[in-house]
PDB file of all heavy atoms in Angstrom:
ATOM      1  N   ASN A   1     -90.396 -32.985 -69.946  1.00  0.00           N
ATOM      2  CA  ASN A   1     -91.631 -33.370 -69.323  1.00  0.00           C
ATOM      3  C   ASN A   1     -91.462 -33.682 -67.841  1.00  0.00           C
ATOM      4  O   ASN A   1     -92.460 -33.895 -67.100  1.00  0.00           O
ATOM      5  CB  ASN A   1     -92.246 -34.556 -70.043  1.00  0.00           C
ATOM      6  CG  ASN A   1     -92.583 -34.306 -71.471  1.00  0.00           C
ATOM      7  OD1 ASN A   1     -93.085 -33.269 -71.818  1.00  0.00           O
ATOM      8  ND2 ASN A   1     -92.300 -35.282 -72.354  1.00  0.00           N
ATOM      9  N   PHE A   2     -90.228 -33.644 -67.342  1.00  0.00           N
ATOM     10  CA  PHE A   2     -89.971 -33.988 -65.942  1.00  0.00           C
ATOM     11  C   PHE A   2     -90.195 -32.828 -65.072  1.00  0.00           C
ATOM     12  O   PHE A   2     -90.009 -31.684 -65.447  1.00  0.00           O
ATOM     13  CB  PHE A   2     -88.505 -34.548 -65.777  1.00  0.00           C
ATOM     14  CG  PHE A   2     -88.310 -35.879 -66.235  1.00  0.00           C
ATOM     15  CD1 PHE A   2     -88.229 -36.210 -67.581  1.00  0.00           C
ATOM     16  CD2 PHE A   2     -88.286 -36.940 -65.384  1.00  0.00           C
ATOM     17  CE1 PHE A   2     -88.071 -37.565 -67.990  1.00  0.00           C
ATOM     18  CE2 PHE A   2     -88.101 -38.268 -65.733  1.00  0.00           C
ATOM     19  CZ  PHE A   2     -87.998 -38.588 -67.121  1.00  0.00           C
ATOM     20  N   ASP A   3     -90.613 -33.088 -63.852  1.00  0.00           N
ATOM     21  CA  ASP A   3     -90.847 -31.979 -62.861  1.00  0.00           C
ATOM     22  C   ASP A   3     -89.536 -31.347 -62.431  1.00  0.00           C
ATOM     23  O   ASP A   3     -89.500 -30.139 -62.250  1.00  0.00           O
ATOM     24  CB  ASP A   3     -91.538 -32.582 -61.625  1.00  0.00           C
ATOM     25  CG  ASP A   3     -92.866 -33.170 -61.916  1.00  0.00           C
ATOM     26  OD1 ASP A   3     -93.719 -32.409 -62.506  1.00  0.00           O
ATOM     27  OD2 ASP A   3     -93.153 -34.296 -61.573  1.00  0.00           O
ATOM     28  N   ILE A   4     -88.483 -32.143 -62.269  1.00  0.00           N
ATOM     29  CA  ILE A   4     -87.173 -31.694 -61.844  1.00  0.00           C
ATOM     30  C   ILE A   4     -86.090 -32.435 -62.671  1.00  0.00           C
ATOM     31  O   ILE A   4     -86.215 -33.653 -62.865  1.00  0.00           O
ATOM     32  CB  ILE A   4     -86.906 -31.959 -60.364  1.00  0.00           C
ATOM     33  CG1 ILE A   4     -87.993 -31.262 -59.497  1.00  0.00           C
ATOM     34  CG2 ILE A   4     -85.541 -31.502 -59.943  1.00  0.00           C
ATOM     35  CD1 ILE A   4     -87.920 -31.635 -58.053  1.00  0.00           C
ATOM     36  N   VAL A   5     -85.117 -31.724 -63.109  1.00  0.00           N
ATOM     37  CA  VAL A   5     -83.929 -32.304 -63.741  1.00  0.00           C
ATOM     38  C   VAL A   5     -82.717 -31.928 -62.925  1.00  0.00           C
ATOM     39  O   VAL A   5     -82.482 -30.762 -62.667  1.00  0.00           O
ATOM     40  CB  VAL A   5     -83.724 -31.925 -65.225  1.00  0.00           C
ATOM     41  CG1 VAL A   5     -82.458 -32.470 -65.790  1.00  0.00           C
ATOM     42  CG2 VAL A   5     -84.933 -32.290 -66.068  1.00  0.00           C
ATOM     43  N   VAL A   6     -81.967 -32.901 -62.455  1.00  0.00           N
ATOM     44  CA  VAL A   6     -80.741 -32.684 -61.674  1.00  0.00           C
ATOM     45  C   VAL A   6     -79.548 -32.876 -62.497  1.00  0.00           C
ATOM     46  O   VAL A   6     -79.339 -33.926 -63.121  1.00  0.00           O
ATOM     47  CB  VAL A   6     -80.707 -33.721 -60.489  1.00  0.00           C
ATOM     48  CG1 VAL A   6     -79.405 -33.402 -59.656  1.00  0.00           C
ATOM     49  CG2 VAL A   6     -81.935 -33.508 -59.605  1.00  0.00           C
ATOM     50  N   VAL A   7     -78.649 -31.869 -62.515  1.00  0.00           N
ATOM     51  CA  VAL A   7     -77.388 -31.987 -63.207  1.00  0.00           C
ATOM     52  C   VAL A   7     -76.335 -32.421 -62.189  1.00  0.00           C
ATOM     53  O   VAL A   7     -75.891 -31.564 -61.376  1.00  0.00           O
ATOM     54  CB  VAL A   7     -76.958 -30.647 -63.852  1.00  0.00           C
ATOM     55  CG1 VAL A   7     -75.635 -30.765 -64.585  1.00  0.00           C
ATOM     56  CG2 VAL A   7     -78.037 -30.222 -64.832  1.00  0.00           C
ATOM     57  N   GLY A   8     -75.959 -33.703 -62.186  1.00  0.00           N
ATOM     58  CA  GLY A   8     -75.082 -34.226 -61.213  1.00  0.00           C
ATOM     59  C   GLY A   8     -73.757 -34.544 -61.769  1.00  0.00           C
ATOM     60  O   GLY A   8     -73.028 -35.474 -61.312  1.00  0.00           O
ATOM     61  N   ILE A   9     -73.279 -33.847 -62.868  1.00  0.00           N
ATOM     62  CA  ILE A   9     -72.032 -34.095 -63.482  1.00  0.00           C
ATOM     63  C   ILE A   9     -70.892 -33.854 -62.524  1.00  0.00           C
ATOM     64  O   ILE A   9     -70.887 -32.924 -61.700  1.00  0.00           O
ATOM     65  CB  ILE A   9     -71.922 -33.174 -64.763  1.00  0.00           C
ATOM     66  CG1 ILE A   9     -73.044 -33.614 -65.731  1.00  0.00           C
ATOM     67  CG2 ILE A   9     -70.546 -33.387 -65.377  1.00  0.00           C
ATOM     68  CD1 ILE A   9     -73.057 -32.648 -66.905  1.00  0.00           C
ATOM     69  N   GLY A  10     -69.865 -34.670 -62.635  1.00  0.00           N
ATOM     70  CA  GLY A  10     -68.711 -34.594 -61.745  1.00  0.00           C
ATOM     71  C   GLY A  10     -68.036 -33.231 -61.631  1.00  0.00           C
ATOM     72  O   GLY A  10     -68.029 -32.468 -62.597  1.00  0.00           O
ATOM     73  N   ASN A  11     -67.406 -33.022 -60.471  1.00  0.00           N
ATOM     74  CA  ASN A  11     -66.730 -31.711 -60.249  1.00  0.00           C
ATOM     75  C   ASN A  11     -65.575 -31.438 -61.161  1.00  0.00           C
ATOM     76  O   ASN A  11     -65.213 -30.326 -61.371  1.00  0.00           O
ATOM     77  CB  ASN A  11     -66.226 -31.648 -58.792  1.00  0.00           C
ATOM     78  CG  ASN A  11     -67.366 -31.659 -57.816  1.00  0.00           C
ATOM     79  OD1 ASN A  11     -68.543 -31.337 -58.138  1.00  0.00           O
ATOM     80  ND2 ASN A  11     -67.077 -32.059 -56.593  1.00  0.00           N
ATOM     81  N   SER A  12     -65.035 -32.497 -61.746  1.00  0.00           N
ATOM     82  CA  SER A  12     -63.855 -32.361 -62.624  1.00  0.00           C
ATOM     83  C   SER A  12     -64.204 -31.748 -64.023  1.00  0.00           C
ATOM     84  O   SER A  12     -63.322 -31.432 -64.768  1.00  0.00           O
ATOM     85  CB  SER A  12     -63.151 -33.665 -62.795  1.00  0.00           C
ATOM     86  OG  SER A  12     -64.036 -34.607 -63.395  1.00  0.00           O
ATOM     87  N   ASP A  13     -65.475 -31.766 -64.336  1.00  0.00           N
ATOM     88  CA  ASP A  13     -65.912 -31.280 -65.616  1.00  0.00           C
ATOM     89  C   ASP A  13     -66.930 -30.082 -65.557  1.00  0.00           C
ATOM     90  O   ASP A  13     -68.089 -30.257 -65.836  1.00  0.00           O
ATOM     91  CB  ASP A  13     -66.534 -32.424 -66.460  1.00  0.00           C
ATOM     92  CG  ASP A  13     -66.540 -32.175 -67.937  1.00  0.00           C
ATOM     93  OD1 ASP A  13     -66.350 -31.004 -68.336  1.00  0.00           O
ATOM     94  OD2 ASP A  13     -66.756 -33.094 -68.731  1.00  0.00           O
ATOM     95  N   MET A  14     -66.415 -29.008 -65.100  1.00  0.00           N
ATOM     96  CA  MET A  14     -67.314 -27.791 -64.893  1.00  0.00           C
ATOM     97  C   MET A  14     -67.907 -27.319 -66.258  1.00  0.00           C
ATOM     98  O   MET A  14     -69.033 -26.902 -66.266  1.00  0.00           O
ATOM     99  CB  MET A  14     -66.506 -26.674 -64.203  1.00  0.00           C
ATOM    100  CG  MET A  14     -67.436 -25.449 -63.803  1.00  0.00           C
ATOM    101  SD  MET A  14     -66.525 -24.061 -63.162  1.00  0.00           S
ATOM    102  CE  MET A  14     -65.771 -24.744 -61.754  1.00  0.00           C
ATOM    103  N   GLN A  15     -67.120 -27.418 -67.279  1.00  0.00           N
ATOM    104  CA  GLN A  15     -67.589 -26.931 -68.582  1.00  0.00           C
ATOM    105  C   GLN A  15     -68.797 -27.745 -68.995  1.00  0.00           C
ATOM    106  O   GLN A  15     -69.815 -27.205 -69.526  1.00  0.00           O
ATOM    107  CB  GLN A  15     -66.482 -27.138 -69.647  1.00  0.00           C
ATOM    108  CG  GLN A  15     -66.921 -26.605 -71.030  1.00  0.00           C
ATOM    109  CD  GLN A  15     -65.763 -26.706 -71.995  1.00  0.00           C
ATOM    110  OE1 GLN A  15     -64.560 -26.963 -71.694  1.00  0.00           O
ATOM    111  NE2 GLN A  15     -66.093 -26.530 -73.313  1.00  0.00           N
ATOM    112  N   ALA A  16     -68.782 -29.083 -68.775  1.00  0.00           N
ATOM    113  CA  ALA A  16     -69.911 -29.926 -69.119  1.00  0.00           C
ATOM    114  C   ALA A  16     -71.135 -29.569 -68.308  1.00  0.00           C
ATOM    115  O   ALA A  16     -72.275 -29.525 -68.767  1.00  0.00           O
ATOM    116  CB  ALA A  16     -69.562 -31.406 -68.972  1.00  0.00           C
ATOM    117  N   SER A  17     -70.950 -29.254 -67.047  1.00  0.00           N
ATOM    118  CA  SER A  17     -71.975 -28.854 -66.096  1.00  0.00           C
ATOM    119  C   SER A  17     -72.636 -27.584 -66.641  1.00  0.00           C
ATOM    120  O   SER A  17     -73.883 -27.462 -66.633  1.00  0.00           O
ATOM    121  CB  SER A  17     -71.444 -28.691 -64.729  1.00  0.00           C
ATOM    122  OG  SER A  17     -72.372 -28.090 -63.867  1.00  0.00           O
ATOM    123  N   ILE A  18     -71.807 -26.579 -67.007  1.00  0.00           N
ATOM    124  CA  ILE A  18     -72.325 -25.316 -67.444  1.00  0.00           C
ATOM    125  C   ILE A  18     -73.097 -25.426 -68.755  1.00  0.00           C
ATOM    126  O   ILE A  18     -74.207 -24.927 -68.911  1.00  0.00           O
ATOM    127  CB  ILE A  18     -71.151 -24.267 -67.600  1.00  0.00           C
ATOM    128  CG1 ILE A  18     -70.505 -23.999 -66.268  1.00  0.00           C
ATOM    129  CG2 ILE A  18     -71.535 -23.003 -68.356  1.00  0.00           C
ATOM    130  CD1 ILE A  18     -69.146 -23.222 -66.350  1.00  0.00           C
ATOM    131  N   PHE A  19     -72.548 -26.208 -69.721  1.00  0.00           N
ATOM    132  CA  PHE A  19     -73.182 -26.371 -71.042  1.00  0.00           C
ATOM    133  C   PHE A  19     -74.548 -27.109 -70.877  1.00  0.00           C
ATOM    134  O   PHE A  19     -75.498 -26.710 -71.478  1.00  0.00           O
ATOM    135  CB  PHE A  19     -72.289 -27.169 -71.965  1.00  0.00           C
ATOM    136  CG  PHE A  19     -72.875 -27.413 -73.246  1.00  0.00           C
ATOM    137  CD1 PHE A  19     -72.933 -26.419 -74.268  1.00  0.00           C
ATOM    138  CD2 PHE A  19     -73.449 -28.670 -73.548  1.00  0.00           C
ATOM    139  CE1 PHE A  19     -73.495 -26.687 -75.487  1.00  0.00           C
ATOM    140  CE2 PHE A  19     -74.002 -28.911 -74.790  1.00  0.00           C
ATOM    141  CZ  PHE A  19     -74.043 -27.887 -75.764  1.00  0.00           C
ATOM    142  N   THR A  20     -74.514 -28.135 -70.045  1.00  0.00           N
ATOM    143  CA  THR A  20     -75.752 -28.906 -69.857  1.00  0.00           C
ATOM    144  C   THR A  20     -76.859 -28.065 -69.188  1.00  0.00           C
ATOM    145  O   THR A  20     -78.009 -28.126 -69.583  1.00  0.00           O
ATOM    146  CB  THR A  20     -75.491 -30.177 -68.994  1.00  0.00           C
ATOM    147  OG1 THR A  20     -74.495 -30.935 -69.644  1.00  0.00           O
ATOM    148  CG2 THR A  20     -76.727 -31.033 -68.877  1.00  0.00           C
ATOM    149  N   THR A  21     -76.507 -27.294 -68.185  1.00  0.00           N
ATOM    150  CA  THR A  21     -77.471 -26.433 -67.531  1.00  0.00           C
ATOM    151  C   THR A  21     -78.062 -25.470 -68.492  1.00  0.00           C
ATOM    152  O   THR A  21     -79.216 -25.234 -68.567  1.00  0.00           O
ATOM    153  CB  THR A  21     -76.799 -25.671 -66.351  1.00  0.00           C
ATOM    154  OG1 THR A  21     -76.267 -26.643 -65.393  1.00  0.00           O
ATOM    155  CG2 THR A  21     -77.811 -24.795 -65.624  1.00  0.00           C
ATOM    156  N   LEU A  22     -77.181 -24.781 -69.302  1.00  0.00           N
ATOM    157  CA  LEU A  22     -77.689 -23.814 -70.264  1.00  0.00           C
ATOM    158  C   LEU A  22     -78.602 -24.434 -71.289  1.00  0.00           C
ATOM    159  O   LEU A  22     -79.686 -23.940 -71.603  1.00  0.00           O
ATOM    160  CB  LEU A  22     -76.464 -23.128 -70.974  1.00  0.00           C
ATOM    161  CG  LEU A  22     -76.808 -22.164 -72.154  1.00  0.00           C
ATOM    162  CD1 LEU A  22     -77.606 -20.998 -71.600  1.00  0.00           C
ATOM    163  CD2 LEU A  22     -75.510 -21.727 -72.821  1.00  0.00           C
ATOM    164  N   MET A  23     -78.217 -25.646 -71.746  1.00  0.00           N
ATOM    165  CA  MET A  23     -79.044 -26.349 -72.716  1.00  0.00           C
ATOM    166  C   MET A  23     -80.416 -26.706 -72.166  1.00  0.00           C
ATOM    167  O   MET A  23     -81.435 -26.553 -72.824  1.00  0.00           O
ATOM    168  CB  MET A  23     -78.283 -27.577 -73.159  1.00  0.00           C
ATOM    169  CG  MET A  23     -79.043 -28.450 -74.243  1.00  0.00           C
ATOM    170  SD  MET A  23     -77.963 -29.805 -74.732  1.00  0.00           S
ATOM    171  CE  MET A  23     -77.686 -30.712 -73.176  1.00  0.00           C
ATOM    172  N   LEU A  24     -80.437 -27.172 -70.896  1.00  0.00           N
ATOM    173  CA  LEU A  24     -81.745 -27.552 -70.278  1.00  0.00           C
ATOM    174  C   LEU A  24     -82.654 -26.322 -70.221  1.00  0.00           C
ATOM    175  O   LEU A  24     -83.868 -26.472 -70.465  1.00  0.00           O
ATOM    176  CB  LEU A  24     -81.478 -28.186 -68.932  1.00  0.00           C
ATOM    177  CG  LEU A  24     -80.798 -29.566 -68.917  1.00  0.00           C
ATOM    178  CD1 LEU A  24     -80.416 -29.973 -67.516  1.00  0.00           C
ATOM    179  CD2 LEU A  24     -81.699 -30.637 -69.523  1.00  0.00           C
ATOM    180  N   LYS A  25     -82.128 -25.243 -69.767  1.00  0.00           N
ATOM    181  CA  LYS A  25     -83.013 -24.033 -69.676  1.00  0.00           C
ATOM    182  C   LYS A  25     -83.445 -23.573 -71.009  1.00  0.00           C
ATOM    183  O   LYS A  25     -84.604 -23.096 -71.190  1.00  0.00           O
ATOM    184  CB  LYS A  25     -82.229 -22.922 -68.881  1.00  0.00           C
ATOM    185  CG  LYS A  25     -81.897 -23.264 -67.411  1.00  0.00           C
ATOM    186  CD  LYS A  25     -83.087 -23.810 -66.649  1.00  0.00           C
ATOM    187  CE  LYS A  25     -84.193 -22.798 -66.409  1.00  0.00           C
ATOM    188  NZ  LYS A  25     -85.268 -23.325 -65.557  1.00  0.00           N
ATOM    189  N   GLU A  26     -82.606 -23.615 -72.045  1.00  0.00           N
ATOM    190  CA  GLU A  26     -83.052 -23.202 -73.367  1.00  0.00           C
ATOM    191  C   GLU A  26     -84.053 -24.172 -73.909  1.00  0.00           C
ATOM    192  O   GLU A  26     -84.890 -23.753 -74.736  1.00  0.00           O
ATOM    193  CB  GLU A  26     -81.794 -23.147 -74.310  1.00  0.00           C
ATOM    194  CG  GLU A  26     -80.833 -21.993 -73.955  1.00  0.00           C
ATOM    195  CD  GLU A  26     -79.702 -21.933 -74.966  1.00  0.00           C
ATOM    196  OE1 GLU A  26     -79.360 -22.990 -75.549  1.00  0.00           O
ATOM    197  OE2 GLU A  26     -79.046 -20.866 -75.010  1.00  0.00           O
ATOM    198  N   MET A  27     -84.063 -25.410 -73.476  1.00  0.00           N
ATOM    199  CA  MET A  27     -85.047 -26.403 -73.949  1.00  0.00           C
ATOM    200  C   MET A  27     -86.358 -26.157 -73.254  1.00  0.00           C
ATOM    201  O   MET A  27     -87.387 -26.752 -73.649  1.00  0.00           O
ATOM    202  CB  MET A  27     -84.533 -27.817 -73.621  1.00  0.00           C
ATOM    203  CG  MET A  27     -83.352 -28.228 -74.501  1.00  0.00           C
ATOM    204  SD  MET A  27     -82.467 -29.754 -73.887  1.00  0.00           S
ATOM    205  CE  MET A  27     -83.821 -30.924 -73.817  1.00  0.00           C
ATOM    206  N   GLY A  28     -86.346 -25.407 -72.160  1.00  0.00           N
ATOM    207  CA  GLY A  28     -87.628 -25.136 -71.431  1.00  0.00           C
ATOM    208  C   GLY A  28     -87.879 -26.054 -70.226  1.00  0.00           C
ATOM    209  O   GLY A  28     -89.031 -26.081 -69.730  1.00  0.00           O
ATOM    210  N   VAL A  29     -86.804 -26.677 -69.722  1.00  0.00           N
ATOM    211  CA  VAL A  29     -86.997 -27.492 -68.517  1.00  0.00           C
ATOM    212  C   VAL A  29     -87.453 -26.514 -67.370  1.00  0.00           C
ATOM    213  O   VAL A  29     -86.698 -25.547 -67.102  1.00  0.00           O
ATOM    214  CB  VAL A  29     -85.679 -28.262 -68.120  1.00  0.00           C
ATOM    215  CG1 VAL A  29     -85.907 -28.985 -66.816  1.00  0.00           C
ATOM    216  CG2 VAL A  29     -85.418 -29.242 -69.243  1.00  0.00           C
ATOM    217  N   GLU A  30     -88.454 -26.871 -66.646  1.00  0.00           N
ATOM    218  CA  GLU A  30     -89.016 -25.935 -65.629  1.00  0.00           C
ATOM    219  C   GLU A  30     -88.163 -25.808 -64.446  1.00  0.00           C
ATOM    220  O   GLU A  30     -87.960 -24.652 -63.971  1.00  0.00           O
ATOM    221  CB  GLU A  30     -90.396 -26.464 -65.255  1.00  0.00           C
ATOM    222  CG  GLU A  30     -91.075 -25.535 -64.262  1.00  0.00           C
ATOM    223  CD  GLU A  30     -92.504 -25.983 -63.961  1.00  0.00           C
ATOM    224  OE1 GLU A  30     -93.013 -26.889 -64.638  1.00  0.00           O
ATOM    225  OE2 GLU A  30     -93.117 -25.424 -63.063  1.00  0.00           O
ATOM    226  N   HIS A  31     -87.584 -26.870 -63.915  1.00  0.00           N
ATOM    227  CA  HIS A  31     -86.853 -26.809 -62.640  1.00  0.00           C
ATOM    228  C   HIS A  31     -85.547 -27.566 -62.721  1.00  0.00           C
ATOM    229  O   HIS A  31     -85.557 -28.806 -62.816  1.00  0.00           O
ATOM    230  CB  HIS A  31     -87.714 -27.303 -61.483  1.00  0.00           C
ATOM    231  CG  HIS A  31     -87.220 -26.915 -60.140  1.00  0.00           C
ATOM    232  ND1 HIS A  31     -87.573 -25.756 -59.522  1.00  0.00           N
ATOM    233  CD2 HIS A  31     -86.313 -27.547 -59.238  1.00  0.00           C
ATOM    234  CE1 HIS A  31     -86.987 -25.646 -58.360  1.00  0.00           C
ATOM    235  NE2 HIS A  31     -86.227 -26.736 -58.173  1.00  0.00           N
ATOM    236  N   VAL A  32     -84.465 -26.854 -62.754  1.00  0.00           N
ATOM    237  CA  VAL A  32     -83.118 -27.472 -62.865  1.00  0.00           C
ATOM    238  C   VAL A  32     -82.341 -27.278 -61.570  1.00  0.00           C
ATOM    239  O   VAL A  32     -82.145 -26.200 -61.122  1.00  0.00           O
ATOM    240  CB  VAL A  32     -82.325 -26.856 -64.091  1.00  0.00           C
ATOM    241  CG1 VAL A  32     -80.945 -27.512 -64.162  1.00  0.00           C
ATOM    242  CG2 VAL A  32     -83.091 -27.055 -65.358  1.00  0.00           C
ATOM    243  N   VAL A  33     -81.874 -28.441 -61.024  1.00  0.00           N
ATOM    244  CA  VAL A  33     -81.010 -28.453 -59.830  1.00  0.00           C
ATOM    245  C   VAL A  33     -79.654 -28.872 -60.181  1.00  0.00           C
ATOM    246  O   VAL A  33     -79.471 -29.895 -60.917  1.00  0.00           O
ATOM    247  CB  VAL A  33     -81.634 -29.313 -58.758  1.00  0.00           C
ATOM    248  CG1 VAL A  33     -80.727 -29.333 -57.509  1.00  0.00           C
ATOM    249  CG2 VAL A  33     -83.038 -28.920 -58.354  1.00  0.00           C
ATOM    250  N   CYS A  34     -78.630 -28.142 -59.739  1.00  0.00           N
ATOM    251  CA  CYS A  34     -77.249 -28.441 -60.208  1.00  0.00           C
ATOM    252  C   CYS A  34     -76.337 -28.687 -59.008  1.00  0.00           C
ATOM    253  O   CYS A  34     -76.285 -27.956 -58.047  1.00  0.00           O
ATOM    254  CB  CYS A  34     -76.717 -27.326 -61.020  1.00  0.00           C
ATOM    255  SG  CYS A  34     -77.642 -26.889 -62.487  1.00  0.00           S
ATOM    256  N   LYS A  35     -75.525 -29.736 -59.132  1.00  0.00           N
ATOM    257  CA  LYS A  35     -74.452 -30.033 -58.173  1.00  0.00           C
ATOM    258  C   LYS A  35     -73.296 -29.077 -58.565  1.00  0.00           C
ATOM    259  O   LYS A  35     -72.930 -28.940 -59.711  1.00  0.00           O
ATOM    260  CB  LYS A  35     -74.028 -31.478 -58.355  1.00  0.00           C
ATOM    261  CG  LYS A  35     -72.760 -31.788 -57.509  1.00  0.00           C
ATOM    262  CD  LYS A  35     -72.259 -33.156 -57.919  1.00  0.00           C
ATOM    263  CE  LYS A  35     -70.903 -33.473 -57.311  1.00  0.00           C
ATOM    264  NZ  LYS A  35     -70.344 -34.764 -57.700  1.00  0.00           N
ATOM    265  N   VAL A  36     -72.757 -28.396 -57.565  1.00  0.00           N
ATOM    266  CA  VAL A  36     -71.598 -27.500 -57.804  1.00  0.00           C
ATOM    267  C   VAL A  36     -70.471 -27.759 -56.828  1.00  0.00           C
ATOM    268  O   VAL A  36     -70.650 -28.407 -55.841  1.00  0.00           O
ATOM    269  CB  VAL A  36     -72.057 -25.983 -57.661  1.00  0.00           C
ATOM    270  CG1 VAL A  36     -73.116 -25.662 -58.649  1.00  0.00           C
ATOM    271  CG2 VAL A  36     -72.605 -25.684 -56.245  1.00  0.00           C
ATOM    272  N   SER A  37     -69.297 -27.298 -57.264  1.00  0.00           N
ATOM    273  CA  SER A  37     -68.111 -27.563 -56.444  1.00  0.00           C
ATOM    274  C   SER A  37     -67.534 -26.315 -55.786  1.00  0.00           C
ATOM    275  O   SER A  37     -66.586 -26.390 -54.995  1.00  0.00           O
ATOM    276  CB  SER A  37     -67.037 -28.165 -57.326  1.00  0.00           C
ATOM    277  OG  SER A  37     -66.752 -27.401 -58.474  1.00  0.00           O
ATOM    278  N   SER A  38     -68.017 -25.146 -56.269  1.00  0.00           N
ATOM    279  CA  SER A  38     -67.482 -23.855 -55.689  1.00  0.00           C
ATOM    280  C   SER A  38     -68.465 -22.778 -55.835  1.00  0.00           C
ATOM    281  O   SER A  38     -69.440 -22.889 -56.567  1.00  0.00           O
ATOM    282  CB  SER A  38     -66.171 -23.504 -56.422  1.00  0.00           C
ATOM    283  OG  SER A  38     -66.484 -23.191 -57.768  1.00  0.00           O
ATOM    284  N   ASN A  39     -68.211 -21.647 -55.137  1.00  0.00           N
ATOM    285  CA  ASN A  39     -69.085 -20.485 -55.232  1.00  0.00           C
ATOM    286  C   ASN A  39     -69.071 -19.887 -56.653  1.00  0.00           C
ATOM    287  O   ASN A  39     -70.107 -19.456 -57.147  1.00  0.00           O
ATOM    288  CB  ASN A  39     -68.650 -19.395 -54.231  1.00  0.00           C
ATOM    289  CG  ASN A  39     -68.983 -19.808 -52.841  1.00  0.00           C
ATOM    290  OD1 ASN A  39     -69.871 -20.605 -52.561  1.00  0.00           O
ATOM    291  ND2 ASN A  39     -68.207 -19.262 -51.850  1.00  0.00           N
ATOM    292  N   LYS A  40     -67.915 -19.908 -57.322  1.00  0.00           N
ATOM    293  CA  LYS A  40     -67.809 -19.446 -58.681  1.00  0.00           C
ATOM    294  C   LYS A  40     -68.696 -20.305 -59.582  1.00  0.00           C
ATOM    295  O   LYS A  40     -69.366 -19.761 -60.434  1.00  0.00           O
ATOM    296  CB  LYS A  40     -66.329 -19.503 -59.140  1.00  0.00           C
ATOM    297  CG  LYS A  40     -66.108 -19.084 -60.572  1.00  0.00           C
ATOM    298  CD  LYS A  40     -64.660 -19.207 -60.974  1.00  0.00           C
ATOM    299  CE  LYS A  40     -64.444 -18.799 -62.415  1.00  0.00           C
ATOM    300  NZ  LYS A  40     -63.007 -18.933 -62.815  1.00  0.00           N
ATOM    301  N   HIS A  41     -68.580 -21.589 -59.441  1.00  0.00           N
ATOM    302  CA  HIS A  41     -69.450 -22.554 -60.245  1.00  0.00           C
ATOM    303  C   HIS A  41     -70.875 -22.221 -60.028  1.00  0.00           C
ATOM    304  O   HIS A  41     -71.672 -22.184 -60.952  1.00  0.00           O
ATOM    305  CB  HIS A  41     -69.029 -23.984 -59.804  1.00  0.00           C
ATOM    306  CG  HIS A  41     -69.646 -25.038 -60.704  1.00  0.00           C
ATOM    307  ND1 HIS A  41     -69.549 -26.362 -60.355  1.00  0.00           N
ATOM    308  CD2 HIS A  41     -70.386 -24.946 -61.881  1.00  0.00           C
ATOM    309  CE1 HIS A  41     -70.159 -27.092 -61.251  1.00  0.00           C
ATOM    310  NE2 HIS A  41     -70.697 -26.283 -62.202  1.00  0.00           N
ATOM    311  N   ALA A  42     -71.240 -22.041 -58.748  1.00  0.00           N
ATOM    312  CA  ALA A  42     -72.703 -21.761 -58.410  1.00  0.00           C
ATOM    313  C   ALA A  42     -73.132 -20.470 -59.025  1.00  0.00           C
ATOM    314  O   ALA A  42     -74.251 -20.378 -59.603  1.00  0.00           O
ATOM    315  CB  ALA A  42     -72.826 -21.692 -56.945  1.00  0.00           C
TER     316      ALA A  42
END
């Protein structure tokens, strides 16, 4: 129900960041903003 969801998980846990982002989009979150540590991560 939120306008924006920010994934601010620490840089040391890229796997958690990836999984959470995928889960949010599958749940139907409209706008997801993610903190990243590298171009590969992005």
